[in-house]
């Protein structure tokens, strides 16, 4: 019996030792060893045929091919950290997002056109052309600013600039931010009321706006000067002391001591109610909702910061579709008092018009929103749609219009 137990125990010990050896062998096989090696860069979405690429730009997804790529800690493009998830990686392939902003002029020469790959078991630097793509324009701080006033062009890749045009006029006295996301300039003195486009040309290409700036005519419903398409409810002012930088007359939306969920837009000072005008040309009625936007300029001073309540943009006094403007709400769900630095342009794409007080289902089409003619009334209301009373609200608004944005 003792011999039997002895033999069984020896057998179990051998099995356990074999299991440990096999496990360790398997672990060694799955564990990447040695410094990473990069052999090529490919498009993340391969095109027909060979997807190898010879250069990349900012904001681009790429596939890094090579060896020992698991265990990535950081992937730097021109010294700027890219985004990635090592869980997606194999030992021979890694997917990474090149940063959308690389300040090319300030990148040290030794880091230009490099991909630095850092892992738990070593690092490597791979030489590869990383270039600034053509510029893009995302917006203008104040599209209807006065001549001589300072404005900003917002966008990406404003590097190695060759020329800037504002309101159709060439501009030479401008400055660009170090990260290439903005250009600051003074509105040219020779700007006309019909305005013109904005364009930026760099060594990598050019970008232009479809819409015009300093344009008080195109698509305008109401500007309180030469276009007054409102039947009632407007609170007109033209004080440059109260709201500096104004372009002529404007409206002031006001409210005090509003109870929670007070939708009384018809009470004095809380609405701009405009008659019928052309939202979208009949020829463009089948365009995408995202191609057109309601725009206006707004000014909110530090004396009365905007902390709650919403601006509702409505069609023909209907709550069927509402576009909300709530600049005091942050993307993460928190809130911050909203104050402007002078006047600034607000852009609300028609795709933002939704049911359920602007929070539900998107309008199906431009025709669904404003009718087959594209001609309808528009209202801009301040409403306390929240659970907190509004103590005081004041915001100046001007140049309400609908324009093509893409």
Foldseek 3Di string as FASTA:
>chain_A
DVVVVVVVVVVVVVVVVVVVVVVVVVVVVQDQADEWDFDFKFAPDADPDDRTDQEEEAFGKIKTFTAQQAQWDFKDQLRHTWDFDSVPDDRTIGITTHHNWDLVVPRPPVSAQWIWTQGPHHIDIDGGHYDYAEWEWDDKFALQFAAFDKIKTFTARLPQWDWKAAQNHTDDPWDADSRRGMIIDGHHNPHDCQTHKIKTAHPNGMYIWPDGGSHLDPQFQFFPPPHHFFDDQFAKDADCVVFNRDDGIWTKQKDAFAAAQFAPQVPHRFKTWGWKDFQDALVCQQPALQQKWKKWKKFFAPVFFDWAWWKWKAWQPDQQWTATDDVQADPVGDGDTDGDPHIGMDIGGLQQIHHPNSPHHGQPGCCSRHHSRSMTIMMIGTTNNGNDTHHIDMMIIGRTGMDGGD
